[in-house]
Amino acid sequence: MIGYTSLGTNDLARSAAFYDALLAELDAQRIFEETDFIVWSAGPNVPAFSVHVPFDGNTATVGNGTMIALAAGARDQVDALYQKAIALGATSEGEPGQRHENGFYAAYFRDPDGNKLNIHHMG
């Protein structure tokens, strides 16, 4: 159902470096690129992720209550991606850990633009 998600950035080069390194850990790579946006995906017919300079020319701002959740293949991948994000300049919004009895294991962080992301594994 979801085709792609998109976050705003005020520094496309910085976002590109952050997400190139982070999303490579999920086997995603750039699939489309223009001067004002970049799109990554892990394969055909799966949801993609993108960062954009705002179309209206205004400053990109963080959405209050907005969060993008990225699926990991295992708990150790959640741990590794969280540590990678922090090493790349993200700020912690919640270290990796069990969140619910249903097996939801997750970590939360904000990218260098302040956008909130989650990396999680069910099971």
C-alpha atoms as a PDB file:
ATOM      1  CA  MET A   1       0.000   0.000   0.000  1.00  0.00           C
ATOM      2  CA  ILE A   2       2.796   2.466   0.777  1.00  0.00           C
ATOM      3  CA  GLY A   3       4.759   3.448  -2.318  1.00  0.00           C
ATOM      4  CA  TYR A   4       7.339   5.660  -0.626  1.00  0.00           C
ATOM      5  CA  THR A   5       7.862   7.967   2.318  1.00  0.00           C
ATOM      6  CA  SER A   6       9.533  11.335   2.170  1.00  0.00           C
ATOM      7  CA  LEU A   7      11.236  13.650   4.648  1.00  0.00           C
ATOM      8  CA  GLY A   8      12.264  17.252   4.142  1.00  0.00           C
ATOM      9  CA  THR A   9      15.854  18.441   4.356  1.00  0.00           C
ATOM     10  CA  ASN A  10      17.623  21.784   4.361  1.00  0.00           C
ATOM     11  CA  ASP A  11      20.942  20.189   3.361  1.00  0.00           C
ATOM     12  CA  LEU A  12      20.558  17.549   0.652  1.00  0.00           C
ATOM     13  CA  ALA A  13      24.268  16.666   0.587  1.00  0.00           C
ATOM     14  CA  ARG A  14      24.333  16.040   4.349  1.00  0.00           C
ATOM     15  CA  SER A  15      21.125  13.993   4.182  1.00  0.00           C
ATOM     16  CA  ALA A  16      22.470  12.015   1.229  1.00  0.00           C
ATOM     17  CA  ALA A  17      25.625  11.062   3.134  1.00  0.00           C
ATOM     18  CA  PHE A  18      23.614  10.112   6.239  1.00  0.00           C
ATOM     19  CA  TYR A  19      21.046   7.993   4.398  1.00  0.00           C
ATOM     20  CA  ASP A  20      23.520   6.446   1.921  1.00  0.00           C
ATOM     21  CA  ALA A  21      25.431   5.001   4.882  1.00  0.00           C
ATOM     22  CA  LEU A  22      22.408   4.120   7.011  1.00  0.00           C
ATOM     23  CA  LEU A  23      20.171   2.603   4.346  1.00  0.00           C
ATOM     24  CA  ALA A  24      23.022   0.564   2.854  1.00  0.00           C
ATOM     25  CA  GLU A  25      22.715  -1.522   6.029  1.00  0.00           C
ATOM     26  CA  LEU A  26      19.192  -2.444   4.820  1.00  0.00           C
ATOM     27  CA  ASP A  27      20.515  -3.262   1.324  1.00  0.00           C
ATOM     28  CA  ALA A  28      18.934  -0.097  -0.067  1.00  0.00           C
ATOM     29  CA  GLN A  29      20.564   2.071  -2.675  1.00  0.00           C
ATOM     30  CA  ARG A  30      19.745   5.204  -4.617  1.00  0.00           C
ATOM     31  CA  ILE A  31      17.231   4.472  -7.349  1.00  0.00           C
ATOM     32  CA  PHE A  32      16.367   8.001  -8.438  1.00  0.00           C
ATOM     33  CA  GLU A  33      18.044  11.353  -7.981  1.00  0.00           C
ATOM     34  CA  GLU A  34      17.414  14.948  -8.997  1.00  0.00           C
ATOM     35  CA  THR A  35      18.931  18.221  -7.818  1.00  0.00           C
ATOM     36  CA  ASP A  36      16.290  18.592  -5.086  1.00  0.00           C
ATOM     37  CA  PHE A  37      15.630  14.999  -3.961  1.00  0.00           C
ATOM     38  CA  ILE A  38      17.013  11.466  -3.663  1.00  0.00           C
ATOM     39  CA  VAL A  39      15.106   8.165  -3.474  1.00  0.00           C
ATOM     40  CA  TRP A  40      16.418   4.872  -2.034  1.00  0.00           C
ATOM     41  CA  SER A  41      14.943   1.382  -2.206  1.00  0.00           C
ATOM     42  CA  ALA A  42      15.912  -2.184  -1.375  1.00  0.00           C
ATOM     43  CA  GLY A  43      14.374  -3.560  -4.559  1.00  0.00           C
ATOM     44  CA  PRO A  44      11.595  -3.355  -7.119  1.00  0.00           C
ATOM     45  CA  ASN A  45       8.004  -3.304  -5.928  1.00  0.00           C
ATOM     46  CA  VAL A  46       8.910  -2.497  -2.314  1.00  0.00           C
ATOM     47  CA  PRO A  47       8.333   0.838  -0.581  1.00  0.00           C
ATOM     48  CA  ALA A  48      10.998   3.469  -1.147  1.00  0.00           C
ATOM     49  CA  PHE A  49      12.371   6.234   1.065  1.00  0.00           C
ATOM     50  CA  SER A  50      13.257   9.754  -0.042  1.00  0.00           C
ATOM     51  CA  VAL A  51      14.534  13.105   1.166  1.00  0.00           C
ATOM     52  CA  HIS A  52      13.512  16.332  -0.527  1.00  0.00           C
ATOM     53  CA  VAL A  53      14.287  20.015  -0.430  1.00  0.00           C
ATOM     54  CA  PRO A  54      10.792  21.532   0.034  1.00  0.00           C
ATOM     55  CA  PHE A  55       9.101  22.250  -3.284  1.00  0.00           C
ATOM     56  CA  ASP A  56       7.699  25.570  -2.051  1.00  0.00           C
ATOM     57  CA  GLY A  57      11.185  26.939  -1.337  1.00  0.00           C
ATOM     58  CA  ASN A  58      10.516  27.361   2.371  1.00  0.00           C
ATOM     59  CA  THR A  59      12.656  25.861   5.110  1.00  0.00           C
ATOM     60  CA  ALA A  60      12.082  22.172   5.830  1.00  0.00           C
ATOM     61  CA  THR A  61      10.650  21.667   9.301  1.00  0.00           C
ATOM     62  CA  VAL A  62      10.053  18.589  11.427  1.00  0.00           C
ATOM     63  CA  GLY A  63       6.479  17.321  11.588  1.00  0.00           C
ATOM     64  CA  ASN A  64       5.169  17.132  15.140  1.00  0.00           C
ATOM     65  CA  GLY A  65       4.042  13.533  15.578  1.00  0.00           C
ATOM     66  CA  THR A  66       5.542  12.438  12.255  1.00  0.00           C
ATOM     67  CA  MET A  67       7.833   9.410  12.245  1.00  0.00           C
ATOM     68  CA  ILE A  68       9.145   7.020   9.613  1.00  0.00           C
ATOM     69  CA  ALA A  69       9.536   3.383  10.728  1.00  0.00           C
ATOM     70  CA  LEU A  70      12.144   1.185   9.024  1.00  0.00           C
ATOM     71  CA  ALA A  71      11.881  -2.607   9.277  1.00  0.00           C
ATOM     72  CA  ALA A  72      14.952  -4.632  10.262  1.00  0.00           C
ATOM     73  CA  GLY A  73      15.492  -8.326   9.644  1.00  0.00           C
ATOM     74  CA  ALA A  74      16.545  -9.123  13.215  1.00  0.00           C
ATOM     75  CA  ARG A  75      17.074  -7.563  16.630  1.00  0.00           C
ATOM     76  CA  ASP A  76      20.825  -7.350  16.137  1.00  0.00           C
ATOM     77  CA  GLN A  77      20.193  -5.329  12.982  1.00  0.00           C
ATOM     78  CA  VAL A  78      18.065  -2.898  15.031  1.00  0.00           C
ATOM     79  CA  ASP A  79      21.001  -2.517  17.431  1.00  0.00           C
ATOM     80  CA  ALA A  80      23.519  -2.067  14.606  1.00  0.00           C
ATOM     81  CA  LEU A  81      21.415   0.458  12.659  1.00  0.00           C
ATOM     82  CA  TYR A  82      20.734   2.498  15.789  1.00  0.00           C
ATOM     83  CA  GLN A  83      24.467   2.632  16.588  1.00  0.00           C
ATOM     84  CA  LYS A  84      25.246   3.510  12.956  1.00  0.00           C
ATOM     85  CA  ALA A  85      22.673   6.334  12.983  1.00  0.00           C
ATOM     86  CA  ILE A  86      24.148   7.770  16.186  1.00  0.00           C
ATOM     87  CA  ALA A  87      27.678   7.511  14.757  1.00  0.00           C
ATOM     88  CA  LEU A  88      26.468   9.367  11.641  1.00  0.00           C
ATOM     89  CA  GLY A  89      25.175  12.281  13.726  1.00  0.00           C
ATOM     90  CA  ALA A  90      21.657  11.220  14.718  1.00  0.00           C
ATOM     91  CA  THR A  91      20.373  11.939  18.219  1.00  0.00           C
ATOM     92  CA  SER A  92      18.774   9.288  20.386  1.00  0.00           C
ATOM     93  CA  GLU A  93      15.048   9.255  21.015  1.00  0.00           C
ATOM     94  CA  GLY A  94      15.116   5.811  22.660  1.00  0.00           C
ATOM     95  CA  GLU A  95      17.795   3.131  22.756  1.00  0.00           C
ATOM     96  CA  PRO A  96      17.097  -0.357  21.358  1.00  0.00           C
ATOM     97  CA  GLY A  97      14.858  -2.504  23.485  1.00  0.00           C
ATOM     98  CA  GLN A  98      11.682  -4.537  23.824  1.00  0.00           C
ATOM     99  CA  ARG A  99       8.719  -2.162  23.588  1.00  0.00           C
ATOM    100  CA  HIS A 100       5.708  -4.474  23.793  1.00  0.00           C
ATOM    101  CA  GLU A 101       4.946  -8.039  24.809  1.00  0.00           C
ATOM    102  CA  ASN A 102       4.077  -8.854  21.186  1.00  0.00           C
ATOM    103  CA  GLY A 103       7.757  -8.984  20.218  1.00  0.00           C
ATOM    104  CA  PHE A 104       8.128  -5.381  19.036  1.00  0.00           C
ATOM    105  CA  TYR A 105      11.837  -4.555  19.479  1.00  0.00           C
ATOM    106  CA  ALA A 106      12.701  -0.995  18.477  1.00  0.00           C
ATOM    107  CA  ALA A 107      15.002   2.002  18.685  1.00  0.00           C
ATOM    108  CA  TYR A 108      14.247   5.651  17.930  1.00  0.00           C
ATOM    109  CA  PHE A 109      16.441   8.496  16.671  1.00  0.00           C
ATOM    110  CA  ARG A 110      16.371  11.841  14.877  1.00  0.00           C
ATOM    111  CA  ASP A 111      18.341  12.407  11.694  1.00  0.00           C
ATOM    112  CA  PRO A 112      20.586  15.491  11.296  1.00  0.00           C
ATOM    113  CA  ASP A 113      17.545  17.536  10.152  1.00  0.00           C
ATOM    114  CA  GLY A 114      15.575  16.516  13.270  1.00  0.00           C
ATOM    115  CA  ASN A 115      13.226  14.057  11.540  1.00  0.00           C
ATOM    116  CA  LYS A 116      12.200  11.187  13.821  1.00  0.00           C
ATOM    117  CA  LEU A 117      12.808   7.617  12.683  1.00  0.00           C
ATOM    118  CA  ASN A 118      12.265   4.188  14.184  1.00  0.00           C
ATOM    119  CA  ILE A 119      14.076   0.982  13.368  1.00  0.00           C
ATOM    120  CA  HIS A 120      12.245  -2.140  14.536  1.00  0.00           C
ATOM    121  CA  HIS A 121      11.873  -5.894  14.328  1.00  0.00           C
ATOM    122  CA  MET A 122       8.791  -7.949  15.160  1.00  0.00           C
ATOM    123  CA  GLY A 123       9.457 -11.301  16.756  1.00  0.00           C
END
